[in-house]
PDB file of all heavy atoms in Angstrom:
ATOM      1  N   SER A   1      -9.787 -23.437 -15.881  1.00  0.00           N
ATOM      2  CA  SER A   1      -8.607 -23.808 -15.103  1.00  0.00           C
ATOM      3  C   SER A   1      -7.289 -23.417 -15.755  1.00  0.00           C
ATOM      4  O   SER A   1      -6.256 -23.406 -15.077  1.00  0.00           O
ATOM      5  CB  SER A   1      -8.611 -25.307 -14.811  1.00  0.00           C
ATOM      6  OG  SER A   1      -8.544 -26.057 -16.010  1.00  0.00           O
ATOM      7  N   THR A   2      -7.285 -23.115 -17.037  1.00  0.00           N
ATOM      8  CA  THR A   2      -6.069 -22.710 -17.736  1.00  0.00           C
ATOM      9  C   THR A   2      -6.002 -21.209 -17.988  1.00  0.00           C
ATOM     10  O   THR A   2      -5.035 -20.724 -18.573  1.00  0.00           O
ATOM     11  CB  THR A   2      -5.927 -23.440 -19.078  1.00  0.00           C
ATOM     12  OG1 THR A   2      -7.020 -23.100 -19.935  1.00  0.00           O
ATOM     13  CG2 THR A   2      -5.910 -24.949 -18.861  1.00  0.00           C
ATOM     14  N   ALA A   3      -7.007 -20.484 -17.559  1.00  0.00           N
ATOM     15  CA  ALA A   3      -7.121 -19.073 -17.874  1.00  0.00           C
ATOM     16  C   ALA A   3      -6.685 -18.192 -16.708  1.00  0.00           C
ATOM     17  O   ALA A   3      -7.106 -18.403 -15.569  1.00  0.00           O
ATOM     18  CB  ALA A   3      -8.558 -18.731 -18.253  1.00  0.00           C
ATOM     19  N   TYR A   4      -5.848 -17.198 -17.024  1.00  0.00           N
ATOM     20  CA  TYR A   4      -5.654 -16.120 -16.066  1.00  0.00           C
ATOM     21  C   TYR A   4      -6.994 -15.426 -15.853  1.00  0.00           C
ATOM     22  O   TYR A   4      -7.757 -15.233 -16.798  1.00  0.00           O
ATOM     23  CB  TYR A   4      -4.638 -15.105 -16.586  1.00  0.00           C
ATOM     24  CG  TYR A   4      -3.209 -15.408 -16.238  1.00  0.00           C
ATOM     25  CD1 TYR A   4      -2.478 -16.338 -16.974  1.00  0.00           C
ATOM     26  CD2 TYR A   4      -2.579 -14.753 -15.191  1.00  0.00           C
ATOM     27  CE1 TYR A   4      -1.162 -16.611 -16.655  1.00  0.00           C
ATOM     28  CE2 TYR A   4      -1.252 -15.019 -14.876  1.00  0.00           C
ATOM     29  CZ  TYR A   4      -0.552 -15.953 -15.606  1.00  0.00           C
ATOM     30  OH  TYR A   4       0.757 -16.209 -15.286  1.00  0.00           O
ATOM     31  N   MET A   5      -7.248 -15.044 -14.625  1.00  0.00           N
ATOM     32  CA  MET A   5      -8.452 -14.303 -14.303  1.00  0.00           C
ATOM     33  C   MET A   5      -8.072 -13.011 -13.595  1.00  0.00           C
ATOM     34  O   MET A   5      -7.098 -12.959 -12.835  1.00  0.00           O
ATOM     35  CB  MET A   5      -9.401 -15.120 -13.427  1.00  0.00           C
ATOM     36  CG  MET A   5      -9.990 -16.344 -14.122  1.00  0.00           C
ATOM     37  SD  MET A   5     -11.048 -15.916 -15.542  1.00  0.00           S
ATOM     38  CE  MET A   5     -12.375 -15.022 -14.727  1.00  0.00           C
ATOM     39  N   MET A   6      -8.852 -11.985 -13.856  1.00  0.00           N
ATOM     40  CA  MET A   6      -8.578 -10.668 -13.320  1.00  0.00           C
ATOM     41  C   MET A   6      -9.816 -10.090 -12.651  1.00  0.00           C
ATOM     42  O   MET A   6     -10.945 -10.408 -13.024  1.00  0.00           O
ATOM     43  CB  MET A   6      -8.140  -9.704 -14.440  1.00  0.00           C
ATOM     44  CG  MET A   6      -6.766  -9.967 -15.021  1.00  0.00           C
ATOM     45  SD  MET A   6      -6.719 -11.354 -16.208  1.00  0.00           S
ATOM     46  CE  MET A   6      -7.529 -10.598 -17.608  1.00  0.00           C
ATOM     47  N   TRP A   7      -9.586  -9.245 -11.674  1.00  0.00           N
ATOM     48  CA  TRP A   7     -10.615  -8.371 -11.133  1.00  0.00           C
ATOM     49  C   TRP A   7     -10.288  -6.940 -11.542  1.00  0.00           C
ATOM     50  O   TRP A   7      -9.152  -6.481 -11.375  1.00  0.00           O
ATOM     51  CB  TRP A   7     -10.704  -8.460  -9.612  1.00  0.00           C
ATOM     52  CG  TRP A   7     -11.453  -9.656  -9.116  1.00  0.00           C
ATOM     53  CD1 TRP A   7     -10.933 -10.827  -8.669  1.00  0.00           C
ATOM     54  CD2 TRP A   7     -12.876  -9.779  -9.008  1.00  0.00           C
ATOM     55  NE1 TRP A   7     -11.931 -11.693  -8.289  1.00  0.00           N
ATOM     56  CE2 TRP A   7     -13.139 -11.075  -8.487  1.00  0.00           C
ATOM     57  CE3 TRP A   7     -13.950  -8.940  -9.301  1.00  0.00           C
ATOM     58  CZ2 TRP A   7     -14.440 -11.534  -8.250  1.00  0.00           C
ATOM     59  CZ3 TRP A   7     -15.237  -9.404  -9.069  1.00  0.00           C
ATOM     60  CH2 TRP A   7     -15.464 -10.682  -8.548  1.00  0.00           C
ATOM     61  N   TYR A   8     -11.280  -6.261 -12.080  1.00  0.00           N
ATOM     62  CA  TYR A   8     -11.215  -4.849 -12.419  1.00  0.00           C
ATOM     63  C   TYR A   8     -12.227  -4.086 -11.580  1.00  0.00           C
ATOM     64  O   TYR A   8     -13.160  -4.662 -11.016  1.00  0.00           O
ATOM     65  CB  TYR A   8     -11.551  -4.621 -13.895  1.00  0.00           C
ATOM     66  CG  TYR A   8     -10.574  -5.190 -14.892  1.00  0.00           C
ATOM     67  CD1 TYR A   8     -10.625  -6.529 -15.256  1.00  0.00           C
ATOM     68  CD2 TYR A   8      -9.624  -4.374 -15.500  1.00  0.00           C
ATOM     69  CE1 TYR A   8      -9.746  -7.049 -16.192  1.00  0.00           C
ATOM     70  CE2 TYR A   8      -8.751  -4.883 -16.434  1.00  0.00           C
ATOM     71  CZ  TYR A   8      -8.813  -6.221 -16.775  1.00  0.00           C
ATOM     72  OH  TYR A   8      -7.940  -6.726 -17.713  1.00  0.00           O
ATOM     73  N   ARG A   9     -12.060  -2.791 -11.541  1.00  0.00           N
ATOM     74  CA  ARG A   9     -13.080  -1.952 -10.927  1.00  0.00           C
ATOM     75  C   ARG A   9     -13.169  -0.628 -11.666  1.00  0.00           C
ATOM     76  O   ARG A   9     -12.204  -0.171 -12.282  1.00  0.00           O
ATOM     77  CB  ARG A   9     -12.806  -1.705  -9.441  1.00  0.00           C
ATOM     78  CG  ARG A   9     -11.574  -0.862  -9.146  1.00  0.00           C
ATOM     79  CD  ARG A   9     -11.313  -0.821  -7.647  1.00  0.00           C
ATOM     80  NE  ARG A   9     -10.157  -0.002  -7.314  1.00  0.00           N
ATOM     81  CZ  ARG A   9      -9.626   0.085  -6.106  1.00  0.00           C
ATOM     82  NH1 ARG A   9     -10.156  -0.600  -5.092  1.00  0.00           N
ATOM     83  NH2 ARG A   9      -8.572   0.860  -5.888  1.00  0.00           N
ATOM     84  N   LYS A  10     -14.345  -0.027 -11.614  1.00  0.00           N
ATOM     85  CA  LYS A  10     -14.574   1.278 -12.194  1.00  0.00           C
ATOM     86  C   LYS A  10     -15.182   2.180 -11.125  1.00  0.00           C
ATOM     87  O   LYS A  10     -16.387   2.102 -10.855  1.00  0.00           O
ATOM     88  CB  LYS A  10     -15.490   1.201 -13.410  1.00  0.00           C
ATOM     89  CG  LYS A  10     -15.601   2.527 -14.145  1.00  0.00           C
ATOM     90  CD  LYS A  10     -16.511   2.440 -15.347  1.00  0.00           C
ATOM     91  CE  LYS A  10     -16.491   3.741 -16.136  1.00  0.00           C
ATOM     92  NZ  LYS A  10     -16.873   4.913 -15.315  1.00  0.00           N
ATOM     93  N   PRO A  11     -14.363   3.048 -10.516  1.00  0.00           N
ATOM     94  CA  PRO A  11     -14.908   4.007  -9.553  1.00  0.00           C
ATOM     95  C   PRO A  11     -15.796   5.025 -10.252  1.00  0.00           C
ATOM     96  O   PRO A  11     -15.646   5.257 -11.464  1.00  0.00           O
ATOM     97  CB  PRO A  11     -13.657   4.671  -8.972  1.00  0.00           C
ATOM     98  CG  PRO A  11     -12.523   3.762  -9.320  1.00  0.00           C
ATOM     99  CD  PRO A  11     -12.911   3.136 -10.627  1.00  0.00           C
ATOM    100  N   PRO A  12     -16.688   5.661  -9.524  1.00  0.00           N
ATOM    101  CA  PRO A  12     -17.544   6.677 -10.156  1.00  0.00           C
ATOM    102  C   PRO A  12     -16.704   7.814 -10.721  1.00  0.00           C
ATOM    103  O   PRO A  12     -15.826   8.353 -10.043  1.00  0.00           O
ATOM    104  CB  PRO A  12     -18.441   7.150  -9.015  1.00  0.00           C
ATOM    105  CG  PRO A  12     -17.738   6.742  -7.764  1.00  0.00           C
ATOM    106  CD  PRO A  12     -16.993   5.492  -8.099  1.00  0.00           C
ATOM    107  N   GLY A  13     -16.950   8.153 -11.976  1.00  0.00           N
ATOM    108  CA  GLY A  13     -16.247   9.243 -12.621  1.00  0.00           C
ATOM    109  C   GLY A  13     -14.836   8.935 -13.063  1.00  0.00           C
ATOM    110  O   GLY A  13     -14.140   9.842 -13.537  1.00  0.00           O
ATOM    111  N   LYS A  14     -14.387   7.701 -12.928  1.00  0.00           N
ATOM    112  CA  LYS A  14     -13.039   7.318 -13.307  1.00  0.00           C
ATOM    113  C   LYS A  14     -13.067   6.147 -14.276  1.00  0.00           C
ATOM    114  O   LYS A  14     -14.086   5.475 -14.434  1.00  0.00           O
ATOM    115  CB  LYS A  14     -12.211   6.963 -12.075  1.00  0.00           C
ATOM    116  CG  LYS A  14     -12.051   8.098 -11.076  1.00  0.00           C
ATOM    117  CD  LYS A  14     -11.212   7.675  -9.884  1.00  0.00           C
ATOM    118  CE  LYS A  14     -11.047   8.811  -8.892  1.00  0.00           C
ATOM    119  NZ  LYS A  14     -10.230   8.402  -7.718  1.00  0.00           N
ATOM    120  N   GLU A  15     -11.936   5.899 -14.897  1.00  0.00           N
ATOM    121  CA  GLU A  15     -11.854   4.804 -15.854  1.00  0.00           C
ATOM    122  C   GLU A  15     -11.667   3.473 -15.141  1.00  0.00           C
ATOM    123  O   GLU A  15     -11.225   3.404 -13.994  1.00  0.00           O
ATOM    124  CB  GLU A  15     -10.710   5.052 -16.843  1.00  0.00           C
ATOM    125  CG  GLU A  15      -9.337   5.061 -16.208  1.00  0.00           C
ATOM    126  CD  GLU A  15      -8.240   5.415 -17.193  1.00  0.00           C
ATOM    127  OE1 GLU A  15      -8.563   5.838 -18.316  1.00  0.00           O
ATOM    128  OE2 GLU A  15      -7.054   5.268 -16.845  1.00  0.00           O
ATOM    129  N   ARG A  16     -12.004   2.406 -15.849  1.00  0.00           N
ATOM    130  CA  ARG A  16     -11.819   1.071 -15.308  1.00  0.00           C
ATOM    131  C   ARG A  16     -10.335   0.789 -15.096  1.00  0.00           C
ATOM    132  O   ARG A  16      -9.491   1.167 -15.905  1.00  0.00           O
ATOM    133  CB  ARG A  16     -12.430   0.046 -16.269  1.00  0.00           C
ATOM    134  CG  ARG A  16     -12.360  -1.389 -15.780  1.00  0.00           C
ATOM    135  CD  ARG A  16     -12.918  -2.355 -16.830  1.00  0.00           C
ATOM    136  NE  ARG A  16     -14.373  -2.299 -16.908  1.00  0.00           N
ATOM    137  CZ  ARG A  16     -15.046  -1.844 -17.963  1.00  0.00           C
ATOM    138  NH1 ARG A  16     -14.416  -1.404 -19.033  1.00  0.00           N
ATOM    139  NH2 ARG A  16     -16.372  -1.850 -17.935  1.00  0.00           N
ATOM    140  N   GLU A  17     -10.018   0.107 -13.996  1.00  0.00           N
ATOM    141  CA  GLU A  17      -8.640  -0.200 -13.676  1.00  0.00           C
ATOM    142  C   GLU A  17      -8.510  -1.650 -13.227  1.00  0.00           C
ATOM    143  O   GLU A  17      -9.433  -2.229 -12.647  1.00  0.00           O
ATOM    144  CB  GLU A  17      -8.114   0.730 -12.579  1.00  0.00           C
ATOM    145  CG  GLU A  17      -8.852   0.591 -11.255  1.00  0.00           C
ATOM    146  CD  GLU A  17      -8.407   1.595 -10.208  1.00  0.00           C
ATOM    147  OE1 GLU A  17      -7.594   2.490 -10.542  1.00  0.00           O
ATOM    148  OE2 GLU A  17      -8.864   1.490  -9.053  1.00  0.00           O
ATOM    149  N   LEU A  18      -7.349  -2.218 -13.494  1.00  0.00           N
ATOM    150  CA  LEU A  18      -7.056  -3.575 -13.052  1.00  0.00           C
ATOM    151  C   LEU A  18      -6.720  -3.566 -11.570  1.00  0.00           C
ATOM    152  O   LEU A  18      -5.884  -2.779 -11.119  1.00  0.00           O
ATOM    153  CB  LEU A  18      -5.892  -4.144 -13.856  1.00  0.00           C
ATOM    154  CG  LEU A  18      -5.438  -5.561 -13.509  1.00  0.00           C
ATOM    155  CD1 LEU A  18      -6.531  -6.571 -13.837  1.00  0.00           C
ATOM    156  CD2 LEU A  18      -4.153  -5.905 -14.256  1.00  0.00           C
ATOM    157  N   VAL A  19      -7.349  -4.451 -10.822  1.00  0.00           N
ATOM    158  CA  VAL A  19      -7.138  -4.550  -9.388  1.00  0.00           C
ATOM    159  C   VAL A  19      -6.207  -5.703  -9.039  1.00  0.00           C
ATOM    160  O   VAL A  19      -5.280  -5.551  -8.236  1.00  0.00           O
ATOM    161  CB  VAL A  19      -8.477  -4.716  -8.647  1.00  0.00           C
ATOM    162  CG1 VAL A  19      -8.254  -4.908  -7.150  1.00  0.00           C
ATOM    163  CG2 VAL A  19      -9.370  -3.510  -8.907  1.00  0.00           C
ATOM    164  N   ALA A  20      -6.450  -6.869  -9.611  1.00  0.00           N
ATOM    165  CA  ALA A  20      -5.679  -8.057  -9.277  1.00  0.00           C
ATOM    166  C   ALA A  20      -5.815  -9.078 -10.388  1.00  0.00           C
ATOM    167  O   ALA A  20      -6.787  -9.071 -11.137  1.00  0.00           O
ATOM    168  CB  ALA A  20      -6.151  -8.663  -7.950  1.00  0.00           C
ATOM    169  N   ARG A  21      -4.831  -9.986 -10.468  1.00  0.00           N
ATOM    170  CA  ARG A  21      -4.907 -11.070 -11.426  1.00  0.00           C
ATOM    171  C   ARG A  21      -4.307 -12.319 -10.815  1.00  0.00           C
ATOM    172  O   ARG A  21      -3.498 -12.248  -9.883  1.00  0.00           O
ATOM    173  CB  ARG A  21      -4.211 -10.713 -12.745  1.00  0.00           C
ATOM    174  CG  ARG A  21      -2.716 -10.543 -12.643  1.00  0.00           C
ATOM    175  CD  ARG A  21      -2.141  -9.892 -13.911  1.00  0.00           C
ATOM    176  NE  ARG A  21      -2.306 -10.708 -15.103  1.00  0.00           N
ATOM    177  CZ  ARG A  21      -1.375 -11.525 -15.592  1.00  0.00           C
ATOM    178  NH1 ARG A  21      -0.191 -11.649 -14.997  1.00  0.00           N
ATOM    179  NH2 ARG A  21      -1.630 -12.208 -16.704  1.00  0.00           N
ATOM    180  N   ILE A  22      -4.700 -13.462 -11.371  1.00  0.00           N
ATOM    181  CA  ILE A  22      -4.258 -14.746 -10.842  1.00  0.00           C
ATOM    182  C   ILE A  22      -4.092 -15.725 -11.989  1.00  0.00           C
ATOM    183  O   ILE A  22      -4.893 -15.764 -12.924  1.00  0.00           O
ATOM    184  CB  ILE A  22      -5.255 -15.268  -9.780  1.00  0.00           C
ATOM    185  CG1 ILE A  22      -4.748 -16.550  -9.120  1.00  0.00           C
ATOM    186  CG2 ILE A  22      -6.650 -15.468 -10.380  1.00  0.00           C
ATOM    187  CD1 ILE A  22      -5.556 -16.930  -7.879  1.00  0.00           C
ATOM    188  N   SER A  23      -3.038 -16.528 -11.936  1.00  0.00           N
ATOM    189  CA  SER A  23      -2.774 -17.518 -12.965  1.00  0.00           C
ATOM    190  C   SER A  23      -3.768 -18.665 -12.871  1.00  0.00           C
ATOM    191  O   SER A  23      -4.496 -18.825 -11.888  1.00  0.00           O
ATOM    192  CB  SER A  23      -1.348 -18.040 -12.850  1.00  0.00           C
ATOM    193  OG  SER A  23      -1.138 -18.672 -11.605  1.00  0.00           O
ATOM    194  N   GLY A  24      -3.784 -19.496 -13.915  1.00  0.00           N
ATOM    195  CA  GLY A  24      -4.761 -20.574 -13.996  1.00  0.00           C
ATOM    196  C   GLY A  24      -4.727 -21.522 -12.816  1.00  0.00           C
ATOM    197  O   GLY A  24      -5.783 -21.944 -12.324  1.00  0.00           O
ATOM    198  N   ASP A  25      -3.532 -21.857 -12.349  1.00  0.00           N
ATOM    199  CA  ASP A  25      -3.403 -22.784 -11.233  1.00  0.00           C
ATOM    200  C   ASP A  25      -3.363 -22.081  -9.881  1.00  0.00           C
ATOM    201  O   ASP A  25      -3.194 -22.740  -8.852  1.00  0.00           O
ATOM    202  CB  ASP A  25      -2.173 -23.676 -11.401  1.00  0.00           C
ATOM    203  CG  ASP A  25      -0.864 -22.921 -11.326  1.00  0.00           C
ATOM    204  OD1 ASP A  25      -0.882 -21.682 -11.208  1.00  0.00           O
ATOM    205  OD2 ASP A  25       0.193 -23.569 -11.392  1.00  0.00           O
ATOM    206  N   GLY A  26      -3.486 -20.772  -9.890  1.00  0.00           N
ATOM    207  CA  GLY A  26      -3.467 -20.005  -8.655  1.00  0.00           C
ATOM    208  C   GLY A  26      -2.089 -19.716  -8.101  1.00  0.00           C
ATOM    209  O   GLY A  26      -1.979 -19.078  -7.045  1.00  0.00           O
ATOM    210  N   GLY A  27      -1.040 -20.141  -8.801  1.00  0.00           N
ATOM    211  CA  GLY A  27       0.299 -20.015  -8.272  1.00  0.00           C
ATOM    212  C   GLY A  27       0.906 -18.628  -8.350  1.00  0.00           C
ATOM    213  O   GLY A  27       1.852 -18.329  -7.622  1.00  0.00           O
ATOM    214  N   LEU A  28       0.393 -17.795  -9.230  1.00  0.00           N
ATOM    215  CA  LEU A  28       0.910 -16.444  -9.408  1.00  0.00           C
ATOM    216  C   LEU A  28      -0.216 -15.457  -9.214  1.00  0.00           C
ATOM    217  O   LEU A  28      -1.297 -15.614  -9.783  1.00  0.00           O
ATOM    218  CB  LEU A  28       1.520 -16.269 -10.797  1.00  0.00           C
ATOM    219  CG  LEU A  28       2.735 -17.128 -11.132  1.00  0.00           C
ATOM    220  CD1 LEU A  28       3.108 -16.934 -12.606  1.00  0.00           C
ATOM    221  CD2 LEU A  28       3.904 -16.761 -10.237  1.00  0.00           C
ATOM    222  N   THR A  29       0.044 -14.448  -8.419  1.00  0.00           N
ATOM    223  CA  THR A  29      -0.909 -13.366  -8.209  1.00  0.00           C
ATOM    224  C   THR A  29      -0.183 -12.038  -8.241  1.00  0.00           C
ATOM    225  O   THR A  29       1.006 -11.956  -7.918  1.00  0.00           O
ATOM    226  CB  THR A  29      -1.651 -13.496  -6.868  1.00  0.00           C
ATOM    227  OG1 THR A  29      -0.704 -13.466  -5.794  1.00  0.00           O
ATOM    228  CG2 THR A  29      -2.441 -14.796  -6.806  1.00  0.00           C
ATOM    229  N   ASP A  30      -0.883 -10.998  -8.635  1.00  0.00           N
ATOM    230  CA  ASP A  30      -0.354  -9.662  -8.494  1.00  0.00           C
ATOM    231  C   ASP A  30      -1.497  -8.684  -8.299  1.00  0.00           C
ATOM    232  O   ASP A  30      -2.652  -8.974  -8.619  1.00  0.00           O
ATOM    233  CB  ASP A  30       0.564  -9.256  -9.656  1.00  0.00           C
ATOM    234  CG  ASP A  30      -0.072  -9.434 -11.016  1.00  0.00           C
ATOM    235  OD1 ASP A  30      -0.983  -8.651 -11.360  1.00  0.00           O
ATOM    236  OD2 ASP A  30       0.351 -10.353 -11.752  1.00  0.00           O
ATOM    237  N   TYR A  31      -1.153  -7.510  -7.751  1.00  0.00           N
ATOM    238  CA  TYR A  31      -2.146  -6.563  -7.286  1.00  0.00           C
ATOM    239  C   TYR A  31      -1.752  -5.141  -7.641  1.00  0.00           C
ATOM    240  O   TYR A  31      -0.568  -4.805  -7.714  1.00  0.00           O
ATOM    241  CB  TYR A  31      -2.294  -6.644  -5.762  1.00  0.00           C
ATOM    242  CG  TYR A  31      -2.693  -7.995  -5.246  1.00  0.00           C
ATOM    243  CD1 TYR A  31      -1.735  -8.948  -4.930  1.00  0.00           C
ATOM    244  CD2 TYR A  31      -4.029  -8.319  -5.074  1.00  0.00           C
ATOM    245  CE1 TYR A  31      -2.097 -10.198  -4.459  1.00  0.00           C
ATOM    246  CE2 TYR A  31      -4.400  -9.563  -4.604  1.00  0.00           C
ATOM    247  CZ  TYR A  31      -3.435 -10.499  -4.297  1.00  0.00           C
ATOM    248  OH  TYR A  31      -3.809 -11.732  -3.832  1.00  0.00           O
ATOM    249  N   GLN A  32      -2.753  -4.317  -7.828  1.00  0.00           N
ATOM    250  CA  GLN A  32      -2.528  -2.896  -7.906  1.00  0.00           C
ATOM    251  C   GLN A  32      -1.951  -2.420  -6.573  1.00  0.00           C
ATOM    252  O   GLN A  32      -2.339  -2.909  -5.504  1.00  0.00           O
ATOM    253  CB  GLN A  32      -3.848  -2.179  -8.202  1.00  0.00           C
ATOM    254  CG  GLN A  32      -3.722  -0.687  -8.402  1.00  0.00           C
ATOM    255  CD  GLN A  32      -5.072  -0.011  -8.453  1.00  0.00           C
ATOM    256  OE1 GLN A  32      -5.894  -0.187  -7.554  1.00  0.00           O
ATOM    257  NE2 GLN A  32      -5.296   0.771  -9.489  1.00  0.00           N
ATOM    258  N   ASP A  33      -1.034  -1.452  -6.631  1.00  0.00           N
ATOM    259  CA  ASP A  33      -0.362  -0.998  -5.422  1.00  0.00           C
ATOM    260  C   ASP A  33      -1.331  -0.550  -4.333  1.00  0.00           C
ATOM    261  O   ASP A  33      -1.094  -0.781  -3.143  1.00  0.00           O
ATOM    262  CB  ASP A  33       0.596   0.151  -5.745  1.00  0.00           C
ATOM    263  CG  ASP A  33       1.843  -0.310  -6.461  1.00  0.00           C
ATOM    264  OD1 ASP A  33       2.131  -1.516  -6.464  1.00  0.00           O
ATOM    265  OD2 ASP A  33       2.541   0.553  -7.024  1.00  0.00           O
ATOM    266  N   SER A  34      -2.413   0.074  -4.710  1.00  0.00           N
ATOM    267  CA  SER A  34      -3.327   0.645  -3.733  1.00  0.00           C
ATOM    268  C   SER A  34      -4.071  -0.399  -2.910  1.00  0.00           C
ATOM    269  O   SER A  34      -4.639  -0.066  -1.869  1.00  0.00           O
ATOM    270  CB  SER A  34      -4.338   1.573  -4.418  1.00  0.00           C
ATOM    271  OG  SER A  34      -5.194   0.850  -5.278  1.00  0.00           O
ATOM    272  N   VAL A  35      -4.086  -1.651  -3.354  1.00  0.00           N
ATOM    273  CA  VAL A  35      -4.805  -2.691  -2.626  1.00  0.00           C
ATOM    274  C   VAL A  35      -3.881  -3.733  -2.013  1.00  0.00           C
ATOM    275  O   VAL A  35      -4.364  -4.632  -1.304  1.00  0.00           O
ATOM    276  CB  VAL A  35      -5.862  -3.385  -3.509  1.00  0.00           C
ATOM    277  CG1 VAL A  35      -6.762  -2.353  -4.178  1.00  0.00           C
ATOM    278  CG2 VAL A  35      -5.212  -4.289  -4.549  1.00  0.00           C
ATOM    279  N   LYS A  36      -2.597  -3.632  -2.247  1.00  0.00           N
ATOM    280  CA  LYS A  36      -1.658  -4.601  -1.692  1.00  0.00           C
ATOM    281  C   LYS A  36      -1.730  -4.620  -0.172  1.00  0.00           C
ATOM    282  O   LYS A  36      -1.753  -3.575   0.468  1.00  0.00           O
ATOM    283  CB  LYS A  36      -0.232  -4.286  -2.144  1.00  0.00           C
ATOM    284  CG  LYS A  36       0.036  -4.599  -3.601  1.00  0.00           C
ATOM    285  CD  LYS A  36       1.468  -4.259  -3.995  1.00  0.00           C
ATOM    286  CE  LYS A  36       1.734  -4.592  -5.447  1.00  0.00           C
ATOM    287  NZ  LYS A  36       3.095  -4.212  -5.861  1.00  0.00           N
ATOM    288  N   GLY A  37      -1.773  -5.813   0.379  1.00  0.00           N
ATOM    289  CA  GLY A  37      -1.884  -5.969   1.814  1.00  0.00           C
ATOM    290  C   GLY A  37      -3.292  -5.944   2.336  1.00  0.00           C
ATOM    291  O   GLY A  37      -3.518  -6.255   3.513  1.00  0.00           O
ATOM    292  N   ARG A  38      -4.241  -5.577   1.501  1.00  0.00           N
ATOM    293  CA  ARG A  38      -5.641  -5.514   1.902  1.00  0.00           C
ATOM    294  C   ARG A  38      -6.519  -6.497   1.145  1.00  0.00           C
ATOM    295  O   ARG A  38      -7.468  -7.037   1.709  1.00  0.00           O
ATOM    296  CB  ARG A  38      -6.194  -4.101   1.711  1.00  0.00           C
ATOM    297  CG  ARG A  38      -5.463  -3.039   2.516  1.00  0.00           C
ATOM    298  CD  ARG A  38      -6.175  -1.694   2.441  1.00  0.00           C
ATOM    299  NE  ARG A  38      -6.240  -1.180   1.079  1.00  0.00           N
ATOM    300  CZ  ARG A  38      -7.372  -0.927   0.423  1.00  0.00           C
ATOM    301  NH1 ARG A  38      -8.546  -1.139   1.012  1.00  0.00           N
ATOM    302  NH2 ARG A  38      -7.334  -0.443  -0.814  1.00  0.00           N
ATOM    303  N   PHE A  39      -6.229  -6.714  -0.139  1.00  0.00           N
ATOM    304  CA  PHE A  39      -7.036  -7.585  -0.988  1.00  0.00           C
ATOM    305  C   PHE A  39      -6.282  -8.871  -1.286  1.00  0.00           C
ATOM    306  O   PHE A  39      -5.045  -8.875  -1.411  1.00  0.00           O
ATOM    307  CB  PHE A  39      -7.361  -6.902  -2.318  1.00  0.00           C
ATOM    308  CG  PHE A  39      -8.323  -5.751  -2.243  1.00  0.00           C
ATOM    309  CD1 PHE A  39      -8.696  -5.184  -1.037  1.00  0.00           C
ATOM    310  CD2 PHE A  39      -8.852  -5.225  -3.410  1.00  0.00           C
ATOM    311  CE1 PHE A  39      -9.578  -4.111  -0.978  1.00  0.00           C
ATOM    312  CE2 PHE A  39      -9.733  -4.152  -3.372  1.00  0.00           C
ATOM    313  CZ  PHE A  39     -10.096  -3.602  -2.162  1.00  0.00           C
ATOM    314  N   THR A  40      -7.026  -9.953  -1.451  1.00  0.00           N
ATOM    315  CA  THR A  40      -6.466 -11.233  -1.842  1.00  0.00           C
ATOM    316  C   THR A  40      -7.327 -11.850  -2.936  1.00  0.00           C
ATOM    317  O   THR A  40      -8.548 -11.963  -2.775  1.00  0.00           O
ATOM    318  CB  THR A  40      -6.390 -12.208  -0.658  1.00  0.00           C
ATOM    319  OG1 THR A  40      -5.615 -11.632   0.395  1.00  0.00           O
ATOM    320  CG2 THR A  40      -5.747 -13.522  -1.087  1.00  0.00           C
ATOM    321  N   ILE A  41      -6.705 -12.226  -4.039  1.00  0.00           N
ATOM    322  CA  ILE A  41      -7.404 -12.927  -5.105  1.00  0.00           C
ATOM    323  C   ILE A  41      -7.100 -14.416  -4.989  1.00  0.00           C
ATOM    324  O   ILE A  41      -5.960 -14.808  -4.747  1.00  0.00           O
ATOM    325  CB  ILE A  41      -7.013 -12.371  -6.490  1.00  0.00           C
ATOM    326  CG1 ILE A  41      -7.867 -13.002  -7.597  1.00  0.00           C
ATOM    327  CG2 ILE A  41      -5.531 -12.529  -6.771  1.00  0.00           C
ATOM    328  CD1 ILE A  41      -7.698 -12.324  -8.959  1.00  0.00           C
ATOM    329  N   PHE A  42      -8.122 -15.237  -5.122  1.00  0.00           N
ATOM    330  CA  PHE A  42      -7.931 -16.676  -5.131  1.00  0.00           C
ATOM    331  C   PHE A  42      -9.028 -17.314  -5.959  1.00  0.00           C
ATOM    332  O   PHE A  42      -9.988 -16.651  -6.348  1.00  0.00           O
ATOM    333  CB  PHE A  42      -7.866 -17.257  -3.710  1.00  0.00           C
ATOM    334  CG  PHE A  42      -9.099 -17.051  -2.869  1.00  0.00           C
ATOM    335  CD1 PHE A  42     -10.016 -18.081  -2.686  1.00  0.00           C
ATOM    336  CD2 PHE A  42      -9.337 -15.850  -2.230  1.00  0.00           C
ATOM    337  CE1 PHE A  42     -11.137 -17.909  -1.893  1.00  0.00           C
ATOM    338  CE2 PHE A  42     -10.460 -15.663  -1.440  1.00  0.00           C
ATOM    339  CZ  PHE A  42     -11.365 -16.694  -1.273  1.00  0.00           C
TER     340      PHE A  42
END
């Protein structure tokens, strides 16, 4: 509950990249530009 959590992804043939992150209480979120408006982290 106190830890920021992140989602990463590794496409085939590419390096791992950060997709989204969320603060411990869920109050702050941010996203990679390519997924904004499409993905939601909670």
